[in-house]
């Protein structure tokens, strides 16, 4: 194995361990939801599952409802933004981003006149994922 290959594996392992709680949760979600399609997407594993209600990012595992795919890739990029939050925050991600985001998703609905993406976790994910909203 080349030095480049060793370095790549070492970085992968370090990131996987840094994000251990969310990576384990992500693997569990993948096992439970049994996605129809998964592929590598900018250093993470992106999966589409019909049994998923919306989208979730747990470490390097992004799971999106299969019907949420769109030609803009906005949903995938938003979830990629959450994955980048996970890389930055490591084990704090679930407390700082994951739990507040889940609570916001449970509380929010369109009739309230407030954008779902106005909440700090979602606004930051959009920024990190390069998503622009009107």
N, C-alpha and C. Protein backbone atom coordinates (compact mmCIF):
# COMPACT_ATOMS: atom_id res chain seq x y z
N UNK A 1 0.85 -1.18 0.00
CA UNK A 1 0.00 0.00 0.00
C UNK A 1 0.89 1.24 0.00
N UNK A 2 0.47 2.23 -0.77
CA UNK A 2 1.24 3.47 -0.88
C UNK A 2 1.02 4.35 0.36
N UNK A 3 1.87 5.35 0.51
CA UNK A 3 1.72 6.30 1.61
C UNK A 3 0.40 7.05 1.50
N UNK A 4 0.04 7.39 0.26
CA UNK A 4 -1.21 8.10 0.04
C UNK A 4 -2.40 7.25 0.49
N UNK A 5 -2.37 5.97 0.17
CA UNK A 5 -3.43 5.05 0.58
C UNK A 5 -3.49 4.89 2.10
N UNK A 6 -2.33 4.82 2.74
CA UNK A 6 -2.28 4.71 4.20
C UNK A 6 -2.83 5.97 4.86
N UNK A 7 -2.47 7.12 4.31
CA UNK A 7 -2.95 8.39 4.86
C UNK A 7 -4.47 8.48 4.73
N UNK A 8 -4.98 8.07 3.59
CA UNK A 8 -6.43 8.11 3.35
C UNK A 8 -7.16 7.22 4.35
N UNK A 9 -6.64 6.05 4.59
CA UNK A 9 -7.26 5.13 5.57
C UNK A 9 -7.17 5.67 6.99
N UNK A 10 -6.04 6.28 7.32
CA UNK A 10 -5.87 6.85 8.66
C UNK A 10 -6.85 8.00 8.90
N UNK A 11 -7.04 8.85 7.90
CA UNK A 11 -7.99 9.96 8.02
C UNK A 11 -9.41 9.41 8.16
N UNK A 12 -9.75 8.42 7.35
CA UNK A 12 -11.07 7.80 7.43
C UNK A 12 -11.32 7.25 8.84
N UNK A 13 -10.36 6.51 9.38
CA UNK A 13 -10.50 5.91 10.71
C UNK A 13 -10.60 6.99 11.79
N UNK A 14 -9.76 8.01 11.70
CA UNK A 14 -9.80 9.10 12.69
C UNK A 14 -11.15 9.80 12.68
N UNK A 15 -11.67 10.11 11.49
CA UNK A 15 -12.98 10.76 11.39
C UNK A 15 -14.10 9.84 11.88
N UNK A 16 -14.00 8.56 11.57
CA UNK A 16 -15.02 7.62 12.00
C UNK A 16 -15.07 7.56 13.53
N UNK A 17 -13.90 7.54 14.16
CA UNK A 17 -13.84 7.51 15.63
C UNK A 17 -14.26 8.84 16.24
N UNK A 18 -13.87 9.96 15.64
CA UNK A 18 -14.24 11.28 16.12
C UNK A 18 -15.76 11.44 16.14
N UNK A 19 -16.42 10.82 15.17
CA UNK A 19 -17.88 10.90 15.04
C UNK A 19 -18.56 9.60 15.49
N UNK A 20 -17.93 8.87 16.38
CA UNK A 20 -18.37 7.52 16.74
C UNK A 20 -19.85 7.42 17.11
N UNK A 21 -20.37 8.24 18.02
CA UNK A 21 -21.79 8.06 18.39
C UNK A 21 -22.74 8.18 17.20
N UNK A 22 -22.54 9.21 16.38
CA UNK A 22 -23.43 9.38 15.23
C UNK A 22 -23.18 8.35 14.13
N UNK A 23 -21.93 7.90 13.98
CA UNK A 23 -21.66 6.85 12.99
C UNK A 23 -22.35 5.55 13.38
N UNK A 24 -22.32 5.21 14.65
CA UNK A 24 -23.00 3.99 15.11
C UNK A 24 -24.51 4.12 14.91
N UNK A 25 -25.06 5.30 15.23
CA UNK A 25 -26.49 5.54 15.01
C UNK A 25 -26.82 5.47 13.53
N UNK A 26 -25.94 5.99 12.69
CA UNK A 26 -26.15 5.94 11.24
C UNK A 26 -26.16 4.51 10.71
N UNK A 27 -25.22 3.70 11.18
CA UNK A 27 -25.19 2.29 10.77
C UNK A 27 -26.47 1.58 11.20
N UNK A 28 -26.94 1.88 12.41
CA UNK A 28 -28.16 1.27 12.91
C UNK A 28 -29.36 1.68 12.05
N UNK A 29 -29.44 2.95 11.71
CA UNK A 29 -30.53 3.44 10.85
C UNK A 29 -30.50 2.77 9.48
N UNK A 30 -29.32 2.62 8.92
CA UNK A 30 -29.20 1.95 7.62
C UNK A 30 -29.68 0.49 7.73
N UNK A 31 -29.31 -0.17 8.83
CA UNK A 31 -29.74 -1.56 9.02
C UNK A 31 -31.25 -1.66 9.19
N UNK A 32 -31.84 -0.70 9.90
CA UNK A 32 -33.29 -0.73 10.14
C UNK A 32 -34.07 -0.36 8.88
N UNK A 33 -33.64 0.70 8.19
CA UNK A 33 -34.39 1.21 7.04
C UNK A 33 -34.16 0.44 5.74
N UNK A 34 -33.04 -0.27 5.66
CA UNK A 34 -32.70 -1.05 4.47
C UNK A 34 -32.88 -0.23 3.19
N UNK A 35 -32.05 0.80 2.98
CA UNK A 35 -32.20 1.67 1.81
C UNK A 35 -32.12 0.90 0.50
N UNK A 36 -32.83 1.42 -0.49
CA UNK A 36 -32.85 0.80 -1.81
C UNK A 36 -31.60 1.12 -2.60
N UNK A 37 -30.98 2.28 -2.32
CA UNK A 37 -29.84 2.73 -3.11
C UNK A 37 -28.89 3.51 -2.23
N UNK A 38 -27.61 3.17 -2.26
CA UNK A 38 -26.57 3.89 -1.52
C UNK A 38 -25.37 4.09 -2.43
N UNK A 39 -24.73 5.23 -2.27
CA UNK A 39 -23.48 5.45 -2.99
C UNK A 39 -22.64 6.50 -2.26
N UNK A 40 -21.36 6.56 -2.61
CA UNK A 40 -20.46 7.54 -2.01
C UNK A 40 -20.72 8.91 -2.63
N UNK A 41 -20.75 9.91 -1.76
CA UNK A 41 -21.06 11.28 -2.17
C UNK A 41 -20.20 12.22 -1.34
N UNK A 42 -19.16 12.74 -1.96
CA UNK A 42 -18.26 13.71 -1.32
C UNK A 42 -17.79 13.27 0.06
N UNK A 43 -17.34 12.03 0.16
CA UNK A 43 -16.74 11.53 1.39
C UNK A 43 -17.71 10.97 2.41
N UNK A 44 -18.99 10.89 2.07
CA UNK A 44 -19.98 10.29 2.96
C UNK A 44 -20.74 9.21 2.19
N UNK A 45 -21.57 8.48 2.90
CA UNK A 45 -22.40 7.44 2.29
C UNK A 45 -23.83 7.95 2.22
N UNK A 46 -24.33 8.19 1.02
CA UNK A 46 -25.67 8.73 0.80
C UNK A 46 -26.59 7.58 0.43
N UNK A 47 -27.68 7.44 1.18
CA UNK A 47 -28.63 6.35 0.95
C UNK A 47 -30.03 6.91 0.75
N UNK A 48 -30.77 6.31 -0.15
CA UNK A 48 -32.17 6.66 -0.40
C UNK A 48 -33.04 5.51 0.10
N UNK A 49 -34.00 5.84 0.97
CA UNK A 49 -34.84 4.82 1.56
C UNK A 49 -36.31 5.24 1.51
N UNK A 50 -37.15 4.36 1.00
CA UNK A 50 -38.58 4.66 0.94
C UNK A 50 -39.20 4.68 2.34
N UNK A 51 -38.57 4.02 3.29
CA UNK A 51 -39.09 3.97 4.66
C UNK A 51 -38.69 5.18 5.49
N UNK A 52 -37.87 6.06 4.93
CA UNK A 52 -37.44 7.27 5.63
C UNK A 52 -38.48 8.36 5.43
N UNK A 53 -38.78 9.10 6.49
CA UNK A 53 -39.81 10.14 6.41
C UNK A 53 -39.29 11.42 5.76
N UNK A 54 -38.06 11.78 6.02
CA UNK A 54 -37.46 13.01 5.49
C UNK A 54 -36.01 12.75 5.16
N UNK A 55 -35.12 13.43 5.88
CA UNK A 55 -33.70 13.22 5.70
C UNK A 55 -33.00 13.30 7.04
N UNK A 56 -31.90 12.57 7.18
CA UNK A 56 -31.13 12.60 8.41
C UNK A 56 -29.66 12.40 8.08
N UNK A 57 -28.83 13.06 8.83
CA UNK A 57 -27.38 12.92 8.68
C UNK A 57 -26.81 12.47 10.01
N UNK A 58 -26.21 11.29 9.99
CA UNK A 58 -25.59 10.74 11.20
C UNK A 58 -24.16 10.34 10.86
N UNK A 59 -23.23 11.24 11.20
CA UNK A 59 -21.82 11.00 10.87
C UNK A 59 -21.62 10.96 9.37
N UNK A 60 -21.06 9.87 8.91
CA UNK A 60 -20.82 9.76 7.47
C UNK A 60 -21.98 9.10 6.72
N UNK A 61 -23.11 8.92 7.39
CA UNK A 61 -24.26 8.27 6.77
C UNK A 61 -25.41 9.26 6.61
N UNK A 62 -25.78 9.52 5.37
CA UNK A 62 -26.90 10.39 5.06
C UNK A 62 -28.02 9.52 4.51
N UNK A 63 -29.20 9.65 5.09
CA UNK A 63 -30.33 8.85 4.64
C UNK A 63 -31.45 9.82 4.28
N UNK A 64 -31.92 9.71 3.05
CA UNK A 64 -32.92 10.62 2.52
C UNK A 64 -34.06 9.79 1.95
N UNK A 65 -35.28 10.28 2.14
CA UNK A 65 -36.44 9.60 1.54
C UNK A 65 -36.25 9.57 0.03
N UNK A 66 -36.52 8.44 -0.57
CA UNK A 66 -36.26 8.26 -2.00
C UNK A 66 -37.02 9.25 -2.87
N UNK A 67 -38.18 9.70 -2.44
CA UNK A 67 -38.96 10.64 -3.24
C UNK A 67 -38.48 12.08 -3.10
N UNK A 68 -37.48 12.33 -2.22
CA UNK A 68 -36.97 13.69 -2.02
C UNK A 68 -35.84 14.05 -2.99
N UNK A 69 -35.44 13.10 -3.83
CA UNK A 69 -34.42 13.40 -4.82
C UNK A 69 -34.97 14.45 -5.78
N UNK A 70 -34.16 15.44 -6.07
CA UNK A 70 -34.57 16.41 -7.08
C UNK A 70 -33.37 16.77 -7.95
N UNK A 71 -33.64 17.36 -9.06
CA UNK A 71 -32.57 17.65 -10.01
C UNK A 71 -31.57 18.68 -9.47
N UNK A 72 -31.96 19.46 -8.46
CA UNK A 72 -31.05 20.48 -7.92
C UNK A 72 -30.04 19.90 -6.95
N UNK A 73 -30.36 18.76 -6.34
CA UNK A 73 -29.47 18.17 -5.34
C UNK A 73 -29.50 18.93 -4.02
N UNK A 74 -30.47 19.80 -3.84
CA UNK A 74 -30.52 20.66 -2.65
C UNK A 74 -30.66 19.84 -1.37
N UNK A 75 -31.50 18.82 -1.37
CA UNK A 75 -31.68 17.99 -0.18
C UNK A 75 -30.38 17.29 0.19
N UNK A 76 -29.73 16.72 -0.80
CA UNK A 76 -28.46 16.02 -0.56
C UNK A 76 -27.40 16.98 -0.04
N UNK A 77 -27.32 18.17 -0.61
CA UNK A 77 -26.32 19.16 -0.19
C UNK A 77 -26.62 19.67 1.23
N UNK A 78 -27.90 19.82 1.55
CA UNK A 78 -28.28 20.22 2.91
C UNK A 78 -27.82 19.16 3.91
N UNK A 79 -28.10 17.89 3.61
CA UNK A 79 -27.67 16.81 4.51
C UNK A 79 -26.15 16.72 4.56
N UNK A 80 -25.48 17.00 3.45
CA UNK A 80 -24.02 17.05 3.45
C UNK A 80 -23.53 18.15 4.40
N UNK A 81 -24.26 19.26 4.46
CA UNK A 81 -23.93 20.31 5.42
C UNK A 81 -23.99 19.81 6.85
N UNK A 82 -24.99 18.98 7.15
CA UNK A 82 -25.07 18.38 8.49
C UNK A 82 -23.88 17.45 8.73
N UNK A 83 -23.48 16.71 7.70
CA UNK A 83 -22.31 15.83 7.84
C UNK A 83 -21.06 16.65 8.15
N UNK A 84 -20.95 17.81 7.55
CA UNK A 84 -19.81 18.69 7.82
C UNK A 84 -19.87 19.24 9.25
N UNK A 85 -21.08 19.51 9.74
CA UNK A 85 -21.24 19.90 11.14
C UNK A 85 -20.73 18.79 12.05
N UNK A 86 -21.07 17.56 11.69
CA UNK A 86 -20.64 16.40 12.47
C UNK A 86 -19.12 16.29 12.51
N UNK A 87 -18.48 16.53 11.38
CA UNK A 87 -17.01 16.49 11.34
C UNK A 87 -16.40 17.57 12.23
N UNK A 88 -17.02 18.74 12.22
CA UNK A 88 -16.49 19.83 13.04
C UNK A 88 -16.71 19.60 14.54
N UNK A 89 -17.88 19.13 14.91
CA UNK A 89 -18.26 19.02 16.32
C UNK A 89 -17.95 17.67 16.95
N UNK A 90 -17.73 16.66 16.13
CA UNK A 90 -17.42 15.33 16.66
C UNK A 90 -18.49 14.84 17.62
N UNK A 91 -18.08 14.39 18.80
CA UNK A 91 -19.03 13.81 19.74
C UNK A 91 -20.07 14.80 20.28
N UNK A 92 -19.88 16.09 20.09
CA UNK A 92 -20.86 17.09 20.53
C UNK A 92 -22.01 17.27 19.53
N UNK A 93 -21.85 16.74 18.33
CA UNK A 93 -22.83 16.93 17.27
C UNK A 93 -24.26 16.56 17.69
N UNK A 94 -24.41 15.41 18.32
CA UNK A 94 -25.76 14.96 18.66
C UNK A 94 -26.45 15.91 19.64
N UNK A 95 -25.69 16.51 20.55
CA UNK A 95 -26.28 17.45 21.51
C UNK A 95 -26.49 18.84 20.92
N UNK A 96 -25.53 19.30 20.13
CA UNK A 96 -25.57 20.67 19.61
C UNK A 96 -26.43 20.78 18.35
N UNK A 97 -26.43 19.76 17.53
CA UNK A 97 -27.15 19.80 16.25
C UNK A 97 -28.26 18.74 16.18
N UNK A 98 -27.92 17.49 16.42
CA UNK A 98 -28.86 16.39 16.21
C UNK A 98 -30.15 16.51 16.99
N UNK A 99 -30.06 16.62 18.31
CA UNK A 99 -31.26 16.70 19.13
C UNK A 99 -32.08 17.97 18.86
N UNK A 100 -31.46 19.15 18.84
CA UNK A 100 -32.26 20.34 18.51
C UNK A 100 -32.92 20.25 17.13
N UNK A 101 -32.22 19.69 16.16
CA UNK A 101 -32.76 19.55 14.81
C UNK A 101 -33.97 18.61 14.80
N UNK A 102 -33.87 17.49 15.51
CA UNK A 102 -35.00 16.56 15.59
C UNK A 102 -36.20 17.21 16.29
N UNK A 103 -35.94 17.94 17.36
CA UNK A 103 -37.03 18.61 18.07
C UNK A 103 -37.68 19.68 17.19
N UNK A 104 -36.86 20.42 16.45
CA UNK A 104 -37.37 21.44 15.54
C UNK A 104 -38.23 20.79 14.45
N UNK A 105 -37.76 19.69 13.89
CA UNK A 105 -38.51 18.99 12.83
C UNK A 105 -39.85 18.48 13.37
N UNK A 106 -39.88 18.04 14.62
CA UNK A 106 -41.12 17.54 15.22
C UNK A 106 -42.09 18.69 15.50
N UNK A 107 -41.59 19.85 15.87
CA UNK A 107 -42.42 20.99 16.24
C UNK A 107 -42.89 21.79 15.04
N UNK A 108 -42.02 21.96 14.06
CA UNK A 108 -42.28 22.85 12.92
C UNK A 108 -43.35 22.28 12.00
N UNK A 109 -44.15 23.14 11.45
CA UNK A 109 -44.99 22.79 10.30
C UNK A 109 -45.24 24.04 9.47
N UNK A 110 -45.49 23.85 8.20
CA UNK A 110 -45.53 24.95 7.22
C UNK A 110 -46.54 26.03 7.56
N UNK A 111 -47.62 25.69 8.23
CA UNK A 111 -48.67 26.66 8.52
C UNK A 111 -48.28 27.75 9.50
N UNK A 112 -47.14 27.63 10.15
CA UNK A 112 -46.73 28.61 11.15
C UNK A 112 -46.09 29.85 10.53
N UNK A 113 -45.83 29.82 9.26
CA UNK A 113 -45.27 30.99 8.59
C UNK A 113 -43.79 31.20 8.84
N UNK A 114 -43.11 30.20 9.36
CA UNK A 114 -41.68 30.28 9.62
C UNK A 114 -40.99 29.22 8.77
N UNK A 115 -39.94 29.61 8.08
CA UNK A 115 -39.21 28.65 7.25
C UNK A 115 -38.54 27.59 8.12
N UNK A 116 -38.65 26.34 7.70
CA UNK A 116 -37.96 25.24 8.38
C UNK A 116 -36.46 25.53 8.45
N UNK A 117 -35.95 26.16 7.42
CA UNK A 117 -34.51 26.38 7.31
C UNK A 117 -34.04 27.64 8.03
N UNK A 118 -34.92 28.29 8.79
CA UNK A 118 -34.53 29.46 9.56
C UNK A 118 -33.90 29.07 10.90
N UNK A 119 -34.11 27.85 11.36
CA UNK A 119 -33.54 27.38 12.62
C UNK A 119 -32.02 27.26 12.47
N UNK A 120 -31.27 27.56 13.52
CA UNK A 120 -29.82 27.65 13.42
C UNK A 120 -29.16 26.38 12.88
N UNK A 121 -29.66 25.21 13.26
CA UNK A 121 -29.04 23.96 12.78
C UNK A 121 -29.20 23.82 11.28
N UNK A 122 -30.37 24.21 10.78
CA UNK A 122 -30.68 24.06 9.35
C UNK A 122 -30.04 25.15 8.52
N UNK A 123 -30.03 26.36 9.04
CA UNK A 123 -29.39 27.48 8.34
C UNK A 123 -27.90 27.21 8.17
N UNK A 124 -27.26 26.71 9.23
CA UNK A 124 -25.83 26.41 9.18
C UNK A 124 -25.56 25.25 8.23
N UNK A 125 -26.42 24.22 8.23
CA UNK A 125 -26.25 23.09 7.32
C UNK A 125 -26.34 23.56 5.87
N UNK A 126 -27.31 24.44 5.58
CA UNK A 126 -27.42 24.99 4.23
C UNK A 126 -26.12 25.71 3.84
N UNK A 127 -25.60 26.51 4.75
CA UNK A 127 -24.38 27.27 4.45
C UNK A 127 -23.21 26.33 4.18
N UNK A 128 -23.03 25.33 5.03
CA UNK A 128 -21.92 24.38 4.85
C UNK A 128 -22.10 23.50 3.61
N UNK A 129 -23.34 23.26 3.21
CA UNK A 129 -23.61 22.45 2.03
C UNK A 129 -23.69 23.24 0.75
N UNK A 130 -23.59 24.57 0.86
CA UNK A 130 -23.66 25.41 -0.33
C UNK A 130 -25.06 25.54 -0.91
N UNK A 131 -26.08 25.47 -0.05
CA UNK A 131 -27.47 25.57 -0.49
C UNK A 131 -27.95 27.00 -0.30
N UNK A 132 -28.51 27.56 -1.36
CA UNK A 132 -29.11 28.90 -1.30
C UNK A 132 -30.62 28.75 -1.41
N UNK A 133 -31.31 29.41 -0.50
CA UNK A 133 -32.77 29.36 -0.51
C UNK A 133 -33.29 30.78 -0.76
N UNK A 134 -34.46 30.88 -1.39
CA UNK A 134 -35.07 32.18 -1.69
C UNK A 134 -35.62 32.81 -0.44
